[in-house]
Amino acid sequence: MSALQNSMRTMFVHGRRLGSAWPRLILKAPYCSEANKMMTGEGTVKVEQHEGVTLIGINRPEKRNCVNTPTAEALLKAFQEFDADESSKVAVLYGVGGNFCAGYDLKEVAEDVPVSLGPYGRGPMGPSRFETRKPVIAAVEGFAVAGGLELALWCDLRVVEETAVMGVYCRRFGVPLIDGGTVRLPAIVGVGRALDLILTGRAIKAKEALEWGIASRLVACGTAIGQAVKLAQELLKFPQECMLADRTSVYNAVFSAKSLQEALQFEHENGCPVILKESVQGAKKFIGGVGRHGKFNLHNQPDPAKSKL
């Protein structure tokens, strides 16, 4: 068990259970030591760091974590800082108080057109047009609708509670998807299913979202944050350059490559430099007995004499 898991057994964060791995755990910020902690204060975004995992929380629970201009700017800044921080390898995006995010704050739209709705630049929801180099996991509980759904789709993986609700709720009020919803949703679920959600604005619950591929994991109510952190820890165990190279190749193939051959060439050129950096050493570990029988415990050295393919 990692030091992070040990520390989490006795700590509390934002009044929500962290997950079935820590069944009695409730979060209370900050949960890490002064040496490992970074907070954005009591503003609309909370940032916490511990052992390679950065937690970024939308902190407007009274608004179901609707995003306004200051929140969008703070979210983008938080992810830019995460991306530049070499000590942090994976981020978890969540909402404080039981909801992931209910979209953009329509009160702001009704009173004045937000600055972000001018020429193309920062996405209205904040980081939706920012291409981070490292994985981001969404911990989805409660509502993840309209722009909140777009933020969840921006993430690499989505850990979704069984009671969560997603959907293009902005359909009802004539608010278009301009934070990547019409781009990422078809890439994830296909055009037909994407149009079903986009045109009707209907709700999609967690079980259906899992069947469609919107949800990466389905977890018990109250456990999304903890299960997302656990998943982030699992990613930390792998050789990082190889994982990031493969992630980059996926996004290039889906969104940038103009042909199959172009995608294959990029994959080759992007992946080959990793072989000398990590693959050779990984092969030596396997020959030495590590990871046999499909095991993912890559740090405990088994007896090579007892290891079999």
Protein backbone atom coordinates (compact mmCIF):
# COMPACT_ATOMS: atom_id res chain seq x y z
CA MET A 1 0.00 0.00 0.00
CA SER A 2 1.34 3.44 -0.95
CA ALA A 3 2.01 6.30 1.43
CA LEU A 4 -0.88 8.17 -0.19
CA GLN A 5 -3.31 5.35 0.59
CA ASN A 6 -2.03 5.14 4.17
CA SER A 7 -2.47 8.88 4.68
CA MET A 8 -5.93 8.80 3.12
CA ARG A 9 -7.15 6.22 5.60
CA THR A 10 -7.19 8.91 8.29
CA MET A 11 -8.08 11.99 6.26
CA PHE A 12 -11.20 13.70 4.97
CA VAL A 13 -11.85 15.70 1.77
CA HIS A 14 -14.88 17.90 0.89
CA GLY A 15 -17.49 15.86 2.72
CA ARG A 16 -17.45 12.97 0.21
CA ARG A 17 -16.23 9.41 0.59
CA LEU A 18 -13.11 8.74 -1.43
CA GLY A 19 -14.08 5.23 -2.48
CA SER A 20 -14.59 1.61 -1.60
CA ALA A 21 -10.85 1.19 -1.11
CA TRP A 22 -11.25 3.53 1.87
CA PRO A 23 -14.88 2.83 2.88
CA ARG A 24 -15.10 5.25 5.80
CA LEU A 25 -13.12 8.04 4.18
CA ILE A 26 -14.50 11.55 3.91
CA LEU A 27 -12.42 14.32 2.41
CA LYS A 28 -11.57 17.58 4.09
CA ALA A 29 -9.15 19.95 2.33
CA PRO A 30 -6.27 20.05 2.67
CA TYR A 31 -5.47 16.39 3.17
CA CYS A 32 -1.71 16.41 2.60
CA SER A 33 1.20 17.75 4.60
CA GLU A 34 2.37 21.33 4.26
CA ALA A 35 5.37 20.13 2.24
CA ASN A 36 3.20 18.38 -0.35
CA LYS A 37 0.22 20.76 -0.42
CA MET A 38 -0.81 23.45 -2.88
CA MET A 39 -4.15 25.20 -2.55
CA THR A 40 -5.70 28.00 -4.58
CA GLY A 41 -7.22 29.34 -1.36
CA GLU A 42 -10.93 29.49 -0.72
CA GLY A 43 -11.73 30.50 -4.29
CA THR A 44 -13.75 28.79 -6.96
CA VAL A 45 -11.07 26.20 -7.76
CA LYS A 46 -9.20 24.01 -5.29
CA VAL A 47 -5.89 22.36 -6.14
CA GLU A 48 -4.21 19.69 -4.01
CA GLN A 49 -1.09 17.69 -4.77
CA HIS A 50 0.26 14.48 -3.33
CA GLU A 51 2.80 11.99 -4.66
CA GLY A 52 2.36 12.62 -8.36
CA VAL A 53 -1.43 13.11 -8.32
CA THR A 54 -3.03 16.56 -8.60
CA LEU A 55 -6.66 16.98 -7.56
CA ILE A 56 -8.43 19.96 -9.13
CA GLY A 57 -11.88 20.76 -7.76
CA ILE A 58 -14.56 23.13 -9.02
CA ASN A 59 -15.69 24.86 -5.84
CA ARG A 60 -19.08 26.46 -6.48
CA PRO A 61 -21.36 23.91 -4.79
CA GLU A 62 -24.13 26.46 -4.27
CA LYS A 63 -24.33 26.71 -8.09
CA ARG A 64 -23.89 22.96 -8.70
CA ASN A 65 -20.38 23.95 -9.79
CA CYS A 66 -21.52 26.00 -12.76
CA VAL A 67 -18.52 27.74 -14.29
CA ASN A 68 -18.32 31.51 -14.65
CA THR A 69 -15.49 33.62 -16.06
CA PRO A 70 -13.29 33.68 -12.91
CA THR A 71 -13.76 29.94 -12.44
CA ALA A 72 -12.92 29.20 -16.07
CA GLU A 73 -9.74 31.26 -15.80
CA ALA A 74 -8.76 29.54 -12.55
CA LEU A 75 -9.41 26.08 -14.03
CA LEU A 76 -7.27 26.80 -17.06
CA LYS A 77 -4.47 28.15 -14.88
CA ALA A 78 -4.65 25.09 -12.64
CA PHE A 79 -4.29 22.71 -15.57
CA GLN A 80 -1.52 24.76 -17.17
CA GLU A 81 0.41 24.58 -13.90
CA PHE A 82 -0.27 20.85 -13.64
CA ASP A 83 0.99 20.36 -17.18
CA ALA A 84 4.20 22.25 -16.43
CA ASP A 85 4.86 20.47 -13.12
CA GLU A 86 7.16 17.54 -13.80
CA SER A 87 6.50 16.10 -10.33
CA SER A 88 2.79 15.66 -11.05
CA LYS A 89 1.92 12.91 -13.51
CA VAL A 90 -1.89 12.55 -13.42
CA ALA A 91 -4.72 14.96 -12.56
CA VAL A 92 -8.19 14.25 -11.16
CA LEU A 93 -10.94 16.77 -11.93
CA TYR A 94 -13.96 16.75 -9.61
CA GLY A 95 -16.72 18.96 -8.27
CA VAL A 96 -17.08 19.98 -4.63
CA GLY A 97 -20.31 19.19 -2.84
CA GLY A 98 -21.86 16.31 -4.76
CA ASN A 99 -22.04 17.55 -8.36
CA PHE A 100 -19.37 17.46 -11.03
CA CYS A 101 -20.48 20.51 -13.01
CA ALA A 102 -23.85 21.74 -14.26
CA GLY A 103 -22.38 23.72 -17.16
CA TYR A 104 -21.80 27.42 -17.67
CA ASP A 105 -23.40 29.92 -15.28
CA LEU A 106 -26.36 31.19 -17.31
CA LYS A 107 -26.82 34.08 -14.89
CA GLU A 108 -23.60 35.53 -16.27
CA VAL A 109 -24.77 34.94 -19.85
CA ALA A 110 -28.13 36.59 -19.14
CA GLU A 111 -26.49 39.69 -17.67
CA ASP A 112 -23.57 40.14 -20.07
CA VAL A 113 -21.92 38.22 -22.90
CA PRO A 114 -18.76 36.59 -21.43
CA VAL A 115 -15.41 37.73 -22.79
CA SER A 116 -14.61 34.14 -23.80
CA LEU A 117 -17.43 34.26 -26.36
CA GLY A 118 -15.42 36.69 -28.50
CA PRO A 119 -12.75 35.59 -31.00
CA TYR A 120 -11.53 32.00 -30.72
CA GLY A 121 -9.28 31.56 -27.69
CA ARG A 122 -9.82 30.10 -24.25
CA GLY A 123 -12.86 27.86 -24.03
CA PRO A 124 -15.75 29.31 -22.01
CA MET A 125 -15.46 26.39 -19.55
CA GLY A 126 -11.72 27.02 -19.09
CA PRO A 127 -9.36 24.22 -20.16
CA SER A 128 -11.54 22.71 -22.91
CA ARG A 129 -9.19 23.88 -25.70
CA PHE A 130 -5.99 23.28 -23.77
CA GLU A 131 -4.05 20.17 -24.79
CA THR A 132 -2.42 18.79 -21.67
CA ARG A 133 0.50 16.42 -22.11
CA LYS A 134 -0.58 14.19 -19.22
CA PRO A 135 -3.67 12.15 -18.34
CA VAL A 136 -6.66 13.74 -16.65
CA ILE A 137 -9.36 11.67 -14.94
CA ALA A 138 -12.86 13.04 -14.28
CA ALA A 139 -14.52 11.98 -11.02
CA VAL A 140 -18.19 12.37 -11.95
CA GLU A 141 -20.91 12.53 -9.33
CA GLY A 142 -24.32 14.18 -9.45
CA PHE A 143 -24.83 16.30 -12.53
CA ALA A 144 -22.33 16.56 -15.39
CA VAL A 145 -24.45 18.37 -17.92
CA ALA A 146 -24.09 20.92 -20.72
CA GLY A 147 -20.60 22.44 -20.37
CA GLY A 148 -20.00 20.08 -17.46
CA LEU A 149 -20.41 17.14 -19.82
CA GLU A 150 -17.95 18.84 -22.16
CA LEU A 151 -15.40 19.12 -19.35
CA ALA A 152 -15.85 15.42 -18.57
CA LEU A 153 -15.37 14.55 -22.24
CA TRP A 154 -12.19 16.66 -22.29
CA CYS A 155 -10.70 14.31 -19.70
CA ASP A 156 -9.00 11.08 -20.76
CA LEU A 157 -11.01 8.84 -18.45
CA ARG A 158 -14.28 9.24 -16.58
CA VAL A 159 -15.00 7.51 -13.27
CA VAL A 160 -18.77 7.84 -12.93
CA GLU A 161 -20.97 7.18 -9.92
CA GLU A 162 -23.99 4.96 -10.47
CA THR A 163 -26.38 7.82 -9.61
CA ALA A 164 -24.71 10.42 -11.86
CA VAL A 165 -26.62 12.10 -14.68
CA MET A 166 -25.12 13.50 -17.88
CA GLY A 167 -26.64 15.22 -20.86
CA VAL A 168 -26.73 18.21 -23.20
CA TYR A 169 -29.17 20.11 -20.98
CA CYS A 170 -28.24 23.40 -22.65
CA ARG A 171 -30.37 22.27 -25.61
CA ARG A 172 -33.42 23.61 -23.79
CA PHE A 173 -32.14 27.19 -23.68
CA GLY A 174 -30.44 27.64 -27.05
CA VAL A 175 -26.90 27.44 -25.70
CA PRO A 176 -24.59 25.67 -28.18
CA LEU A 177 -21.77 23.27 -27.42
CA ILE A 178 -18.60 25.32 -27.91
CA ASP A 179 -16.27 23.53 -25.48
CA GLY A 180 -15.59 20.49 -27.62
CA GLY A 181 -18.86 18.62 -27.15
CA THR A 182 -19.61 18.25 -30.85
CA VAL A 183 -15.99 17.20 -31.45
CA ARG A 184 -15.22 14.79 -28.61
CA LEU A 185 -18.59 13.12 -28.09
CA PRO A 186 -18.80 11.66 -31.65
CA ALA A 187 -15.18 10.51 -31.33
CA ILE A 188 -16.05 8.62 -28.14
CA VAL A 189 -19.49 7.17 -28.91
CA GLY A 190 -19.93 7.52 -32.69
CA VAL A 191 -21.98 9.99 -34.72
CA GLY A 192 -25.37 8.31 -34.28
CA ARG A 193 -25.27 8.16 -30.51
CA ALA A 194 -23.72 11.60 -30.26
CA LEU A 195 -26.57 13.08 -32.30
CA ASP A 196 -29.08 11.31 -30.07
CA LEU A 197 -27.76 13.18 -27.05
CA ILE A 198 -26.95 16.45 -28.80
CA LEU A 199 -30.23 16.90 -30.68
CA THR A 200 -32.60 15.77 -27.92
CA GLY A 201 -30.70 17.08 -24.91
CA ARG A 202 -31.94 14.05 -23.00
CA ALA A 203 -30.36 12.74 -19.84
CA ILE A 204 -28.07 9.73 -19.99
CA LYS A 205 -27.63 7.86 -16.75
CA ALA A 206 -24.51 6.12 -15.58
CA LYS A 207 -25.29 2.56 -16.70
CA GLU A 208 -26.10 3.63 -20.26
CA ALA A 209 -23.06 5.93 -20.26
CA LEU A 210 -20.88 2.93 -19.39
CA GLU A 211 -22.43 0.86 -22.18
CA TRP A 212 -21.80 3.68 -24.65
CA GLY A 213 -18.22 4.30 -23.56
CA ILE A 214 -18.75 7.73 -22.03
CA ALA A 215 -18.06 6.30 -18.58
CA SER A 216 -14.76 4.46 -18.24
CA ARG A 217 -15.62 3.04 -14.80
CA LEU A 218 -18.93 2.75 -12.95
CA VAL A 219 -18.60 3.10 -9.16
CA ALA A 220 -20.81 3.26 -6.09
CA CYS A 221 -22.43 6.51 -4.99
CA GLY A 222 -20.03 8.65 -2.99
CA THR A 223 -16.86 6.93 -4.20
CA ALA A 224 -15.96 8.65 -7.50
CA ILE A 225 -13.16 10.83 -6.15
CA GLY A 226 -11.45 8.00 -4.30
CA GLN A 227 -11.77 5.58 -7.20
CA ALA A 228 -10.41 8.21 -9.58
CA VAL A 229 -7.42 8.76 -7.28
CA LYS A 230 -6.91 5.00 -7.12
CA LEU A 231 -6.97 4.82 -10.92
CA ALA A 232 -4.50 7.70 -11.10
CA GLN A 233 -2.17 5.79 -8.78
CA GLU A 234 -2.37 2.78 -11.09
CA LEU A 235 -1.18 4.94 -13.98
CA LEU A 236 1.77 6.16 -11.90
CA LYS A 237 3.16 2.61 -11.78
CA PHE A 238 3.87 2.45 -15.51
CA PRO A 239 6.90 3.76 -17.45
CA GLN A 240 5.71 7.30 -18.08
CA GLU A 241 7.33 8.20 -21.41
CA CYS A 242 5.88 5.13 -23.09
CA MET A 243 2.40 5.76 -21.69
CA LEU A 244 2.46 9.41 -22.74
CA ALA A 245 3.75 8.57 -26.21
CA ASP A 246 0.91 6.11 -26.77
CA ARG A 247 -1.61 8.64 -25.44
CA THR A 248 -0.29 11.26 -27.88
CA SER A 249 -0.50 8.80 -30.77
CA VAL A 250 -4.14 8.05 -29.95
CA TYR A 251 -5.14 11.71 -30.00
CA ASN A 252 -3.20 12.31 -33.19
CA ALA A 253 -4.95 9.38 -34.90
CA VAL A 254 -8.41 10.51 -33.79
CA PHE A 255 -8.16 14.28 -34.29
CA SER A 256 -5.13 15.24 -36.39
CA ALA A 257 -4.10 12.56 -38.89
CA LYS A 258 -5.54 12.91 -42.38
CA SER A 259 -5.08 9.28 -43.38
CA LEU A 260 -4.36 5.84 -41.97
CA GLN A 261 -0.79 5.94 -43.24
CA GLU A 262 -0.19 9.36 -41.71
CA ALA A 263 -1.45 8.09 -38.36
CA LEU A 264 0.72 4.97 -38.59
CA GLN A 265 3.79 7.02 -39.49
CA PHE A 266 3.22 9.34 -36.53
CA GLU A 267 2.78 6.36 -34.21
CA HIS A 268 6.08 4.91 -35.44
CA GLU A 269 8.06 8.14 -35.17
CA ASN A 270 6.50 9.04 -31.83
CA GLY A 271 7.01 5.62 -30.29
CA CYS A 272 10.45 4.57 -31.47
CA PRO A 273 12.45 7.00 -29.26
CA VAL A 274 10.85 5.39 -26.21
CA ILE A 275 12.30 1.97 -27.00
CA LEU A 276 15.85 2.86 -25.98
CA LYS A 277 14.64 4.90 -23.00
CA GLU A 278 12.18 2.46 -21.43
CA SER A 279 11.44 -0.61 -23.54
CA VAL A 280 14.87 -2.23 -23.31
CA GLN A 281 14.88 -1.88 -19.53
CA GLY A 282 11.31 -3.19 -19.41
CA ALA A 283 12.25 -6.22 -21.47
CA LYS A 284 15.10 -6.97 -19.08
CA LYS A 285 12.68 -6.81 -16.14
CA PHE A 286 10.35 -9.27 -17.84
CA ILE A 287 13.17 -11.68 -18.64
CA GLY A 288 14.16 -11.37 -14.97
CA GLY A 289 10.73 -12.55 -13.90
CA VAL A 290 8.80 -9.34 -13.29
CA GLY A 291 5.22 -9.13 -14.59
CA ARG A 292 4.84 -12.78 -15.50
CA HIS A 293 1.32 -14.31 -15.74
CA GLY A 294 -0.12 -10.87 -16.53
CA LYS A 295 0.70 -9.48 -13.09
CA PHE A 296 0.82 -5.70 -12.71
CA ASN A 297 2.95 -5.62 -9.56
CA LEU A 298 6.07 -4.35 -11.28
CA HIS A 299 8.15 -3.57 -8.20
CA ASN A 300 8.22 -6.84 -6.28
CA GLN A 301 11.02 -8.94 -7.72
CA PRO A 302 9.98 -12.62 -7.98
CA ASP A 303 12.37 -15.56 -7.98
CA PRO A 304 13.39 -15.90 -11.66
CA ALA A 305 13.85 -19.66 -11.17
CA LYS A 306 10.15 -20.03 -10.33
CA SER A 307 8.85 -17.72 -13.02
CA LYS A 308 7.15 -19.02 -16.14
CA LEU A 309 5.63 -17.28 -19.15
